[in-house]
């Protein structure tokens, strides 16, 4: 069975993988709005990583999670970055649309992981942190899912995939 430290190390790895994925997509995209979206997500993943790193160090040193390791208030939200302008600038068959769909997989994995360990956590501060991480990742996932759905609708209309009535 995983120890608390193993769980946190795996969570840190998950955040680093997400950050790398988003930074890679930010560099690859030619769309300025999508670049900003991926850079924002990468910064948020870095905040998650640093918070988990503090948690890891506190548990290692004291055996407990200090309340000071809780996530800061979310300063940048997806709503500030993602607008109808992004939707209008992405074609559903473009690289950006594929990257957004792939991003959903990262976020789904993170939500599941954090929610699972929030349920198992014995320490209240640990439980709270994992709940907050899951909530942040759910925000990313919900936004990406809405954007993905919108893009799918656009391609269906553009390609006349809708059945004739």
Foldseek 3Di string as FASTA:
>chain_A
DDDPLRLLVVLLVLLVVLLVLLCVVLVPDPDPLSVVLSNLSNVVSVLLNVLSVQQSVCCVVPVAGDLVSARDDDPDASVVRDDVVVLVVDACVDPSVVSLVVSLVSLVVLLVSLVVVLVVDPHPSSNNRSVVSNVRSVRSNVVSVVSNVSNVVRVCVVVVVDDDD
